[in-house]
N, C-alpha and C. Protein backbone atom coordinates (compact mmCIF):
# COMPACT_ATOMS: atom_id res chain seq x y z
N ALA A 1 0.85 -1.20 0.00
CA ALA A 1 0.00 0.00 0.00
C ALA A 1 0.88 1.24 0.00
N ILE A 2 0.42 2.26 -0.75
CA ILE A 2 1.17 3.53 -0.81
C ILE A 2 0.26 4.67 -0.35
N CYS A 3 0.75 5.41 0.63
CA CYS A 3 0.05 6.61 1.11
C CYS A 3 0.93 7.78 0.70
N GLU A 4 0.48 8.51 -0.32
CA GLU A 4 1.30 9.59 -0.91
C GLU A 4 1.69 10.65 0.11
N ARG A 5 0.75 10.99 1.01
CA ARG A 5 1.06 12.05 1.99
C ARG A 5 1.62 11.48 3.28
N GLY A 6 1.81 10.16 3.32
CA GLY A 6 2.39 9.52 4.50
C GLY A 6 1.40 9.39 5.64
N CYS A 7 1.78 8.63 6.66
CA CYS A 7 0.99 8.46 7.89
C CYS A 7 1.91 8.80 9.04
N LYS A 8 1.78 10.04 9.55
CA LYS A 8 2.73 10.52 10.56
C LYS A 8 2.74 9.65 11.82
N TYR A 9 1.58 9.46 12.45
CA TYR A 9 1.49 8.62 13.65
C TYR A 9 0.53 7.46 13.36
N GLY A 10 0.87 6.63 12.38
CA GLY A 10 0.03 5.51 12.01
C GLY A 10 0.68 4.65 10.94
N GLU A 11 -0.10 3.71 10.39
CA GLU A 11 0.41 2.80 9.36
C GLU A 11 -0.44 2.93 8.10
N CYS A 12 0.19 2.76 6.93
CA CYS A 12 -0.50 2.79 5.65
C CYS A 12 -1.12 1.40 5.44
N MET A 13 -2.48 1.34 5.33
CA MET A 13 -3.20 0.06 5.23
C MET A 13 -3.74 -0.21 3.83
N GLY A 14 -3.82 0.82 3.00
CA GLY A 14 -4.35 0.69 1.65
C GLY A 14 -4.03 1.96 0.90
N PRO A 15 -4.33 2.05 -0.39
CA PRO A 15 -4.01 3.27 -1.15
C PRO A 15 -4.58 4.51 -0.43
N ASN A 16 -3.67 5.33 0.09
CA ASN A 16 -4.01 6.57 0.82
C ASN A 16 -4.97 6.34 1.98
N LYS A 17 -4.87 5.20 2.64
CA LYS A 17 -5.70 4.89 3.82
C LYS A 17 -4.77 4.63 5.01
N CYS A 18 -4.88 5.48 6.02
CA CYS A 18 -4.03 5.33 7.21
C CYS A 18 -4.81 4.73 8.37
N LYS A 19 -4.14 3.91 9.16
CA LYS A 19 -4.69 3.41 10.42
C LYS A 19 -3.87 4.08 11.51
N CYS A 20 -4.53 4.95 12.27
CA CYS A 20 -3.82 5.76 13.27
C CYS A 20 -3.51 4.96 14.52
N PHE A 21 -2.35 5.30 15.13
CA PHE A 21 -2.01 4.74 16.42
C PHE A 21 -2.96 5.34 17.46
N PRO A 22 -3.18 4.66 18.59
CA PRO A 22 -4.07 5.23 19.61
C PRO A 22 -3.60 6.63 20.03
N GLY A 23 -4.55 7.55 20.16
CA GLY A 23 -4.24 8.92 20.59
C GLY A 23 -4.06 9.89 19.44
N PHE A 24 -4.16 9.39 18.17
CA PHE A 24 -3.99 10.27 17.00
C PHE A 24 -5.14 10.11 16.03
N THR A 25 -5.37 11.15 15.21
CA THR A 25 -6.49 11.17 14.27
C THR A 25 -6.12 11.97 13.03
N GLY A 26 -7.02 12.03 12.05
CA GLY A 26 -6.80 12.78 10.81
C GLY A 26 -6.47 11.84 9.65
N LYS A 27 -6.60 12.35 8.42
CA LYS A 27 -6.34 11.54 7.21
C LYS A 27 -4.92 10.98 7.17
N THR A 28 -3.96 11.78 7.66
CA THR A 28 -2.56 11.33 7.67
C THR A 28 -2.07 11.05 9.11
N CYS A 29 -3.01 10.92 10.04
CA CYS A 29 -2.71 10.64 11.47
C CYS A 29 -1.73 11.66 12.05
N ASN A 30 -1.88 12.91 11.68
CA ASN A 30 -0.95 13.95 12.13
C ASN A 30 -1.52 14.81 13.25
N GLN A 31 -2.76 14.54 13.67
CA GLN A 31 -3.39 15.36 14.70
C GLN A 31 -3.51 14.57 16.00
N ASP A 32 -3.27 15.28 17.10
CA ASP A 32 -3.44 14.68 18.43
C ASP A 32 -4.93 14.56 18.71
N LEU A 33 -5.35 13.42 19.21
CA LEU A 33 -6.75 13.22 19.59
C LEU A 33 -6.93 13.70 21.02
N ASN A 34 -7.91 14.61 21.23
CA ASN A 34 -8.18 15.10 22.59
C ASN A 34 -9.11 14.11 23.28
N GLU A 35 -8.50 13.16 23.99
CA GLU A 35 -9.28 12.11 24.65
C GLU A 35 -10.23 12.68 25.71
N CYS A 36 -9.87 13.84 26.28
CA CYS A 36 -10.69 14.45 27.33
C CYS A 36 -12.06 14.88 26.80
N GLY A 37 -12.15 15.11 25.50
CA GLY A 37 -13.41 15.54 24.89
C GLY A 37 -14.27 14.39 24.42
N LEU A 38 -13.79 13.16 24.55
CA LEU A 38 -14.56 12.00 24.11
C LEU A 38 -15.73 11.71 25.04
N LYS A 39 -16.77 11.10 24.47
CA LYS A 39 -17.91 10.64 25.26
C LYS A 39 -17.91 9.12 25.19
N PRO A 40 -17.97 8.36 26.26
CA PRO A 40 -17.89 8.84 27.64
C PRO A 40 -16.47 9.33 27.97
N ARG A 41 -16.38 10.23 28.94
CA ARG A 41 -15.08 10.80 29.32
C ARG A 41 -14.19 9.70 29.89
N PRO A 42 -12.89 9.72 29.55
CA PRO A 42 -12.01 8.66 30.05
C PRO A 42 -11.67 8.79 31.54
N CYS A 43 -11.87 9.97 32.11
CA CYS A 43 -11.54 10.20 33.52
C CYS A 43 -12.80 10.59 34.27
N GLU A 44 -12.86 10.20 35.53
CA GLU A 44 -14.05 10.51 36.32
C GLU A 44 -14.04 11.95 36.83
N HIS A 45 -12.89 12.41 37.36
CA HIS A 45 -12.84 13.76 37.94
C HIS A 45 -12.20 14.77 36.98
N ARG A 46 -10.89 14.72 36.85
CA ARG A 46 -10.18 15.70 36.02
C ARG A 46 -9.36 14.99 34.96
N CYS A 47 -9.34 15.61 33.77
CA CYS A 47 -8.62 15.02 32.63
C CYS A 47 -7.69 16.07 32.04
N MET A 48 -6.46 15.67 31.69
CA MET A 48 -5.53 16.58 31.02
C MET A 48 -5.02 15.90 29.76
N ASN A 49 -5.26 16.54 28.61
CA ASN A 49 -4.80 15.99 27.34
C ASN A 49 -3.29 16.15 27.22
N THR A 50 -2.63 15.11 26.71
CA THR A 50 -1.19 15.17 26.43
C THR A 50 -0.98 14.71 25.00
N HIS A 51 0.21 14.87 24.45
CA HIS A 51 0.49 14.49 23.06
C HIS A 51 0.36 12.97 22.90
N GLY A 52 -0.67 12.55 22.18
CA GLY A 52 -0.89 11.14 21.93
C GLY A 52 -1.51 10.38 23.08
N SER A 53 -1.85 11.07 24.17
CA SER A 53 -2.42 10.38 25.32
C SER A 53 -3.17 11.37 26.21
N TYR A 54 -3.36 11.02 27.48
CA TYR A 54 -4.03 11.88 28.46
C TYR A 54 -3.68 11.40 29.86
N LYS A 55 -3.96 12.27 30.84
CA LYS A 55 -3.71 11.93 32.24
C LYS A 55 -4.97 12.20 33.04
N CYS A 56 -5.26 11.33 33.99
CA CYS A 56 -6.40 11.53 34.89
C CYS A 56 -5.91 12.00 36.25
N TYR A 57 -6.71 12.87 36.87
CA TYR A 57 -6.43 13.35 38.22
C TYR A 57 -7.69 13.22 39.04
N CYS A 58 -7.54 13.07 40.34
CA CYS A 58 -8.69 13.00 41.24
C CYS A 58 -8.68 14.17 42.21
N LEU A 59 -9.87 14.49 42.71
CA LEU A 59 -9.99 15.53 43.72
C LEU A 59 -9.38 15.02 45.02
N ASN A 60 -9.07 15.95 45.93
CA ASN A 60 -8.43 15.56 47.19
C ASN A 60 -9.32 14.60 47.98
N GLY A 61 -8.69 13.63 48.61
CA GLY A 61 -9.43 12.62 49.39
C GLY A 61 -9.83 11.43 48.54
N TYR A 62 -9.48 11.49 47.24
CA TYR A 62 -9.77 10.39 46.32
C TYR A 62 -8.47 9.85 45.76
N MET A 63 -8.51 8.63 45.31
CA MET A 63 -7.33 7.97 44.78
C MET A 63 -7.63 7.49 43.37
N LEU A 64 -6.68 7.65 42.46
CA LEU A 64 -6.86 7.25 41.06
C LEU A 64 -6.75 5.73 40.92
N MET A 65 -7.75 5.15 40.26
CA MET A 65 -7.76 3.72 40.00
C MET A 65 -7.24 3.48 38.57
N PRO A 66 -6.75 2.27 38.25
CA PRO A 66 -6.17 2.02 36.92
C PRO A 66 -7.13 2.29 35.76
N ASP A 67 -8.46 2.21 36.00
CA ASP A 67 -9.42 2.44 34.90
C ASP A 67 -9.84 3.90 34.76
N GLY A 68 -9.19 4.82 35.49
CA GLY A 68 -9.50 6.25 35.35
C GLY A 68 -10.58 6.72 36.30
N THR A 69 -11.13 5.82 37.10
CA THR A 69 -12.14 6.23 38.09
C THR A 69 -11.43 6.69 39.36
N CYS A 70 -12.20 7.38 40.20
CA CYS A 70 -11.64 7.88 41.45
C CYS A 70 -12.35 7.22 42.62
N ALA A 71 -11.60 6.55 43.44
CA ALA A 71 -12.18 5.87 44.60
C ALA A 71 -11.92 6.71 45.84
N SER A 72 -12.94 6.81 46.68
CA SER A 72 -12.78 7.53 47.93
C SER A 72 -11.67 6.84 48.72
N SER A 73 -10.63 7.58 49.02
CA SER A 73 -9.47 6.97 49.63
C SER A 73 -9.51 7.12 51.14
N ARG A 74 -9.96 6.07 51.79
CA ARG A 74 -9.98 6.11 53.25
C ARG A 74 -8.55 6.23 53.76
N THR A 75 -7.62 5.59 53.04
CA THR A 75 -6.23 5.65 53.49
C THR A 75 -5.74 7.09 53.45
N CYS A 76 -6.10 7.85 52.40
CA CYS A 76 -5.70 9.25 52.32
C CYS A 76 -6.34 10.04 53.46
N ALA A 77 -7.63 9.80 53.69
CA ALA A 77 -8.35 10.52 54.74
C ALA A 77 -7.78 10.16 56.11
N MET A 78 -7.39 8.89 56.27
CA MET A 78 -6.86 8.45 57.56
C MET A 78 -5.50 9.08 57.86
N VAL A 79 -4.70 9.27 56.81
CA VAL A 79 -3.37 9.86 57.00
C VAL A 79 -3.49 11.33 57.40
N ASN A 80 -4.59 11.98 56.95
CA ASN A 80 -4.88 13.38 57.28
C ASN A 80 -3.77 14.32 56.82
N CYS A 81 -3.51 14.31 55.50
CA CYS A 81 -2.49 15.19 54.92
C CYS A 81 -3.02 16.62 54.83
N GLN A 82 -2.12 17.58 54.93
CA GLN A 82 -2.50 18.99 54.83
C GLN A 82 -2.95 19.34 53.41
N TYR A 83 -2.26 18.81 52.39
CA TYR A 83 -2.56 19.17 51.00
C TYR A 83 -2.84 17.96 50.10
N GLY A 84 -3.45 16.91 50.59
CA GLY A 84 -3.76 15.76 49.74
C GLY A 84 -2.60 14.79 49.66
N CYS A 85 -2.89 13.60 49.05
CA CYS A 85 -1.85 12.57 49.05
C CYS A 85 -1.90 11.73 47.79
N GLU A 86 -0.91 10.88 47.65
CA GLU A 86 -0.86 9.93 46.54
C GLU A 86 -0.48 8.58 47.13
N GLU A 87 -0.91 7.52 46.44
CA GLU A 87 -0.58 6.19 46.90
C GLU A 87 0.34 5.54 45.88
N VAL A 88 1.54 5.19 46.31
CA VAL A 88 2.51 4.56 45.42
C VAL A 88 2.86 3.20 46.00
N LYS A 89 2.60 2.16 45.19
CA LYS A 89 2.89 0.77 45.59
C LYS A 89 2.33 0.46 46.98
N GLY A 90 1.06 0.85 47.18
CA GLY A 90 0.38 0.56 48.44
C GLY A 90 0.80 1.43 49.61
N GLU A 91 1.71 2.38 49.37
CA GLU A 91 2.18 3.27 50.43
C GLU A 91 1.62 4.66 50.21
N VAL A 92 1.04 5.24 51.24
CA VAL A 92 0.45 6.58 51.15
C VAL A 92 1.50 7.63 51.48
N ARG A 93 1.59 8.64 50.62
CA ARG A 93 2.56 9.72 50.83
C ARG A 93 1.87 11.06 50.68
N CYS A 94 2.05 11.94 51.65
CA CYS A 94 1.47 13.29 51.58
C CYS A 94 2.23 14.12 50.55
N LEU A 95 1.52 15.08 49.95
CA LEU A 95 2.10 15.93 48.92
C LEU A 95 2.16 17.39 49.36
N CYS A 96 3.09 18.14 48.79
CA CYS A 96 3.16 19.59 49.00
C CYS A 96 2.94 20.26 47.65
N PRO A 97 2.11 21.33 47.59
CA PRO A 97 1.75 21.93 46.31
C PRO A 97 2.81 22.79 45.63
N SER A 98 3.93 23.05 46.30
CA SER A 98 4.93 23.93 45.70
C SER A 98 6.32 23.41 46.00
N GLY A 99 7.26 23.73 45.10
CA GLY A 99 8.65 23.34 45.28
C GLY A 99 9.33 24.06 46.43
N GLY A 100 8.68 25.13 46.92
CA GLY A 100 9.22 25.90 48.04
C GLY A 100 8.75 25.38 49.39
N LEU A 101 8.07 24.22 49.35
CA LEU A 101 7.59 23.60 50.58
C LEU A 101 8.13 22.18 50.65
N GLN A 102 8.31 21.68 51.85
CA GLN A 102 8.74 20.28 52.02
C GLN A 102 7.94 19.67 53.16
N LEU A 103 7.82 18.35 53.12
CA LEU A 103 7.08 17.67 54.18
C LEU A 103 7.80 17.85 55.51
N GLY A 104 7.03 18.15 56.53
CA GLY A 104 7.58 18.33 57.86
C GLY A 104 7.92 17.00 58.51
N PRO A 105 8.48 17.04 59.72
CA PRO A 105 8.89 15.80 60.41
C PRO A 105 7.72 14.82 60.62
N ASN A 106 6.47 15.34 60.73
CA ASN A 106 5.33 14.45 60.95
C ASN A 106 4.87 13.77 59.66
N GLY A 107 5.42 14.20 58.49
CA GLY A 107 5.07 13.59 57.21
C GLY A 107 3.69 13.93 56.70
N ARG A 108 2.99 14.89 57.37
CA ARG A 108 1.63 15.25 56.97
C ARG A 108 1.48 16.72 56.59
N THR A 109 2.20 17.58 57.31
CA THR A 109 2.09 19.01 57.03
C THR A 109 3.31 19.47 56.22
N CYS A 110 3.12 20.57 55.51
CA CYS A 110 4.19 21.12 54.68
C CYS A 110 4.83 22.30 55.39
N ILE A 111 6.15 22.31 55.41
CA ILE A 111 6.86 23.44 56.02
C ILE A 111 7.62 24.19 54.94
N ASP A 112 7.81 25.46 55.19
CA ASP A 112 8.45 26.35 54.22
C ASP A 112 9.95 26.09 54.13
N ILE A 113 10.47 26.18 52.91
CA ILE A 113 11.92 26.16 52.68
C ILE A 113 12.34 27.62 52.55
N ASP A 114 13.27 28.08 53.36
CA ASP A 114 13.74 29.46 53.26
C ASP A 114 14.79 29.55 52.16
N GLU A 115 14.32 29.92 50.94
CA GLU A 115 15.23 30.00 49.80
C GLU A 115 16.32 31.04 49.98
N CYS A 116 16.04 32.07 50.80
CA CYS A 116 17.02 33.14 51.02
C CYS A 116 18.22 32.66 51.81
N SER A 117 17.98 31.83 52.83
CA SER A 117 19.10 31.38 53.66
C SER A 117 19.79 30.14 53.07
N THR A 118 19.07 29.35 52.24
CA THR A 118 19.68 28.15 51.67
C THR A 118 20.46 28.45 50.40
N GLY A 119 20.31 29.67 49.88
CA GLY A 119 21.05 30.05 48.66
C GLY A 119 20.37 29.61 47.38
N ARG A 120 19.14 29.11 47.48
CA ARG A 120 18.38 28.69 46.29
C ARG A 120 17.88 29.89 45.48
N ALA A 121 17.66 31.00 46.18
CA ALA A 121 17.10 32.19 45.54
C ALA A 121 18.15 32.91 44.69
N VAL A 122 17.68 33.48 43.58
CA VAL A 122 18.57 34.25 42.71
C VAL A 122 17.97 35.65 42.56
N CYS A 123 18.64 36.63 43.13
CA CYS A 123 18.21 38.03 43.02
C CYS A 123 19.37 38.84 42.43
N SER A 124 19.03 39.84 41.61
CA SER A 124 20.08 40.67 41.01
C SER A 124 20.78 41.49 42.09
N TYR A 125 21.96 42.05 41.75
CA TYR A 125 22.86 42.67 42.73
C TYR A 125 22.22 43.75 43.60
N ASN A 126 21.26 44.53 43.05
CA ASN A 126 20.70 45.63 43.85
C ASN A 126 19.35 45.25 44.47
N ARG A 127 19.09 43.92 44.56
CA ARG A 127 17.86 43.45 45.19
C ARG A 127 18.19 42.48 46.31
N ARG A 128 17.31 42.43 47.30
CA ARG A 128 17.50 41.51 48.41
C ARG A 128 16.37 40.49 48.41
N CYS A 129 16.64 39.33 48.94
CA CYS A 129 15.70 38.22 48.95
C CYS A 129 14.77 38.33 50.16
N VAL A 130 13.47 38.15 49.91
CA VAL A 130 12.48 38.14 50.99
C VAL A 130 11.75 36.80 50.90
N ASN A 131 11.85 36.00 51.95
CA ASN A 131 11.22 34.68 51.95
C ASN A 131 9.72 34.81 52.16
N THR A 132 8.94 33.96 51.45
CA THR A 132 7.48 33.90 51.64
C THR A 132 7.13 32.43 51.84
N PHE A 133 5.92 32.14 52.26
CA PHE A 133 5.53 30.74 52.48
C PHE A 133 5.42 30.05 51.11
N GLY A 134 6.31 29.09 50.88
CA GLY A 134 6.29 28.32 49.64
C GLY A 134 7.08 28.95 48.50
N SER A 135 7.63 30.14 48.71
CA SER A 135 8.38 30.80 47.64
C SER A 135 9.26 31.92 48.22
N TYR A 136 9.60 32.89 47.37
CA TYR A 136 10.36 34.08 47.78
C TYR A 136 10.17 35.16 46.73
N HIS A 137 10.50 36.38 47.05
CA HIS A 137 10.55 37.43 46.02
C HIS A 137 11.75 38.33 46.26
N CYS A 138 12.13 39.05 45.22
CA CYS A 138 13.29 39.93 45.29
C CYS A 138 12.81 41.36 45.45
N LYS A 139 13.26 42.01 46.50
CA LYS A 139 12.86 43.38 46.81
C LYS A 139 14.07 44.28 46.65
N CYS A 140 13.84 45.55 46.36
CA CYS A 140 14.96 46.48 46.24
C CYS A 140 15.72 46.55 47.56
N GLN A 141 17.05 46.67 47.46
CA GLN A 141 17.89 46.83 48.66
C GLN A 141 17.45 48.10 49.38
N LEU A 142 17.74 48.18 50.67
CA LEU A 142 17.43 49.40 51.42
C LEU A 142 18.21 50.55 50.78
N GLY A 143 17.55 51.69 50.64
CA GLY A 143 18.19 52.84 49.99
C GLY A 143 17.90 52.91 48.50
N TYR A 144 17.14 51.91 47.98
CA TYR A 144 16.73 51.88 46.57
C TYR A 144 15.22 51.76 46.51
N GLU A 145 14.63 52.22 45.41
CA GLU A 145 13.19 52.06 45.22
C GLU A 145 12.90 51.60 43.80
N LEU A 146 11.79 50.86 43.64
CA LEU A 146 11.41 50.31 42.34
C LEU A 146 10.79 51.40 41.49
N LYS A 147 11.37 51.64 40.30
CA LYS A 147 10.85 52.66 39.38
C LYS A 147 10.83 52.11 37.97
N TYR A 148 9.88 52.62 37.16
CA TYR A 148 9.78 52.21 35.76
C TYR A 148 10.67 53.14 34.94
N VAL A 149 11.82 52.64 34.51
CA VAL A 149 12.80 53.47 33.81
C VAL A 149 13.13 52.84 32.46
N SER A 150 13.07 53.63 31.42
CA SER A 150 13.36 53.23 30.02
C SER A 150 12.86 51.81 29.68
N GLY A 151 11.55 51.64 29.85
CA GLY A 151 10.89 50.43 29.39
C GLY A 151 10.89 49.24 30.33
N HIS A 152 11.52 49.34 31.49
CA HIS A 152 11.46 48.22 32.45
C HIS A 152 11.61 48.71 33.89
N TYR A 153 11.20 47.86 34.83
CA TYR A 153 11.31 48.20 36.25
C TYR A 153 12.72 47.93 36.73
N ASP A 154 13.23 48.86 37.53
CA ASP A 154 14.57 48.69 38.08
C ASP A 154 14.64 49.34 39.46
N CYS A 155 15.60 48.89 40.24
CA CYS A 155 15.81 49.48 41.57
C CYS A 155 16.75 50.68 41.41
N VAL A 156 16.22 51.84 41.76
CA VAL A 156 16.95 53.10 41.57
C VAL A 156 17.28 53.69 42.93
N ASP A 157 18.47 54.26 43.05
CA ASP A 157 18.93 54.88 44.29
C ASP A 157 17.97 55.97 44.75
N VAL A 158 17.65 55.96 46.05
CA VAL A 158 16.82 57.01 46.65
C VAL A 158 17.77 58.12 47.09
N ASN A 159 17.49 59.36 46.66
CA ASN A 159 18.31 60.50 47.10
C ASN A 159 17.71 61.03 48.39
N GLU A 160 18.26 60.54 49.52
CA GLU A 160 17.73 60.89 50.84
C GLU A 160 17.83 62.39 51.12
N CYS A 161 18.80 63.05 50.46
CA CYS A 161 18.98 64.49 50.68
C CYS A 161 17.82 65.28 50.07
N VAL A 162 17.29 64.80 48.94
CA VAL A 162 16.17 65.47 48.27
C VAL A 162 14.84 65.08 48.92
N THR A 163 14.69 63.81 49.24
CA THR A 163 13.42 63.33 49.83
C THR A 163 13.32 63.69 51.31
N ASN A 164 14.37 64.24 51.87
CA ASN A 164 14.42 64.68 53.28
C ASN A 164 14.22 63.52 54.26
N THR A 165 14.75 62.35 53.87
CA THR A 165 14.64 61.18 54.74
C THR A 165 15.97 60.90 55.46
N HIS A 166 16.89 61.86 55.39
CA HIS A 166 18.18 61.73 56.09
C HIS A 166 18.02 62.15 57.54
N ARG A 167 19.04 61.83 58.34
CA ARG A 167 19.00 62.20 59.76
C ARG A 167 20.19 63.11 60.10
N CYS A 168 20.58 63.91 59.12
CA CYS A 168 21.73 64.80 59.35
C CYS A 168 21.35 65.92 60.33
N ASN A 169 22.35 66.39 61.04
CA ASN A 169 22.18 67.49 61.98
C ASN A 169 21.79 68.75 61.22
N LEU A 170 21.11 69.64 61.93
CA LEU A 170 20.67 70.92 61.36
C LEU A 170 21.86 71.71 60.82
N HIS A 171 23.04 71.52 61.44
CA HIS A 171 24.25 72.24 61.03
C HIS A 171 25.17 71.35 60.19
N ALA A 172 24.57 70.42 59.45
CA ALA A 172 25.36 69.51 58.60
C ALA A 172 24.82 69.51 57.19
N GLU A 173 25.69 69.12 56.27
CA GLU A 173 25.33 69.00 54.85
C GLU A 173 25.04 67.53 54.56
N CYS A 174 24.01 67.27 53.76
CA CYS A 174 23.68 65.89 53.37
C CYS A 174 24.32 65.61 52.02
N LEU A 175 25.01 64.45 51.92
CA LEU A 175 25.64 64.05 50.65
C LEU A 175 25.07 62.68 50.25
N ASN A 176 24.42 62.63 49.09
CA ASN A 176 23.83 61.36 48.64
C ASN A 176 24.91 60.40 48.16
N THR A 177 24.74 59.11 48.49
CA THR A 177 25.64 58.06 48.00
C THR A 177 24.76 56.95 47.43
N GLU A 178 25.34 55.99 46.70
CA GLU A 178 24.59 54.86 46.15
C GLU A 178 23.98 54.06 47.28
N GLY A 179 22.67 54.08 47.38
CA GLY A 179 21.96 53.28 48.37
C GLY A 179 21.96 53.86 49.77
N SER A 180 22.60 55.01 49.97
CA SER A 180 22.65 55.60 51.30
C SER A 180 22.91 57.11 51.22
N PHE A 181 23.49 57.68 52.29
CA PHE A 181 23.83 59.10 52.34
C PHE A 181 24.90 59.31 53.40
N LYS A 182 25.56 60.47 53.35
CA LYS A 182 26.55 60.84 54.36
C LYS A 182 26.22 62.23 54.88
N CYS A 183 26.64 62.48 56.08
CA CYS A 183 26.43 63.80 56.68
C CYS A 183 27.78 64.40 57.03
N LYS A 184 27.96 65.69 56.67
CA LYS A 184 29.23 66.37 56.95
C LYS A 184 28.91 67.71 57.62
N CYS A 185 29.50 67.91 58.80
CA CYS A 185 29.24 69.16 59.53
C CYS A 185 29.68 70.36 58.69
N LYS A 186 28.89 71.44 58.73
CA LYS A 186 29.19 72.65 57.96
C LYS A 186 30.42 73.33 58.56
N GLN A 187 30.98 74.27 57.77
CA GLN A 187 32.16 75.00 58.23
C GLN A 187 31.88 75.70 59.56
N GLY A 188 32.82 75.58 60.45
CA GLY A 188 32.67 76.21 61.77
C GLY A 188 32.06 75.26 62.79
N TYR A 189 31.69 74.05 62.34
CA TYR A 189 31.12 73.04 63.26
C TYR A 189 31.97 71.78 63.22
N ARG A 190 31.98 71.07 64.34
CA ARG A 190 32.72 69.82 64.43
C ARG A 190 31.78 68.69 64.84
N GLY A 191 32.05 67.47 64.33
CA GLY A 191 31.24 66.30 64.73
C GLY A 191 31.17 65.28 63.60
N ASN A 192 30.31 64.28 63.81
CA ASN A 192 30.21 63.19 62.83
C ASN A 192 29.14 63.43 61.76
N GLY A 193 28.49 64.60 61.81
CA GLY A 193 27.45 64.91 60.83
C GLY A 193 26.06 64.72 61.39
N PHE A 194 25.96 63.82 62.37
CA PHE A 194 24.66 63.61 63.04
C PHE A 194 24.60 64.48 64.30
N ASP A 195 25.79 64.67 64.89
CA ASP A 195 25.93 65.60 66.02
C ASP A 195 26.99 66.62 65.61
N CYS A 196 26.60 67.87 65.55
CA CYS A 196 27.56 68.92 65.19
C CYS A 196 27.55 70.00 66.29
N ALA A 197 28.76 70.38 66.69
CA ALA A 197 28.85 71.41 67.75
C ALA A 197 29.81 72.51 67.31
């Protein structure tokens, strides 16, 4: 048999007649079949289409059976996981919904991983890491503020002398520096800039 346009995911069975492999459709078997849209649905609770196949998921407290149905999982309910569980080879294991969380010592609750102290976090040089539950974010270093400059957001130095957020003495001059400021006593005064006499 000759199929002039070929059979991408299938076999040529007769002149220009393709037999598609499971999960594919079309005259040349070049289209993915969305199994989730089939009647009857292949999954009881949730279905996710994948290339040439699909995956079934169950709601929390349920366990996926080999035929795509969801059975009420007494074992999951008995374990009392904080965020649901999975059963692998007859063993129940609690799950955490984010990579920034890990199972705690009790094996049921999820505890936060501090990405800032473990060095997992990546922040640019003028930003500091702030840990959050399950993740982290990068905030401008102290003395910098987030501003929209030439098409993107960046941390820009705050001029404490202009914004009047310095603590210089009344008889001192404020000098702005990158990320901070300095105080220098005016002529005729002595001190560290914060105290001038």
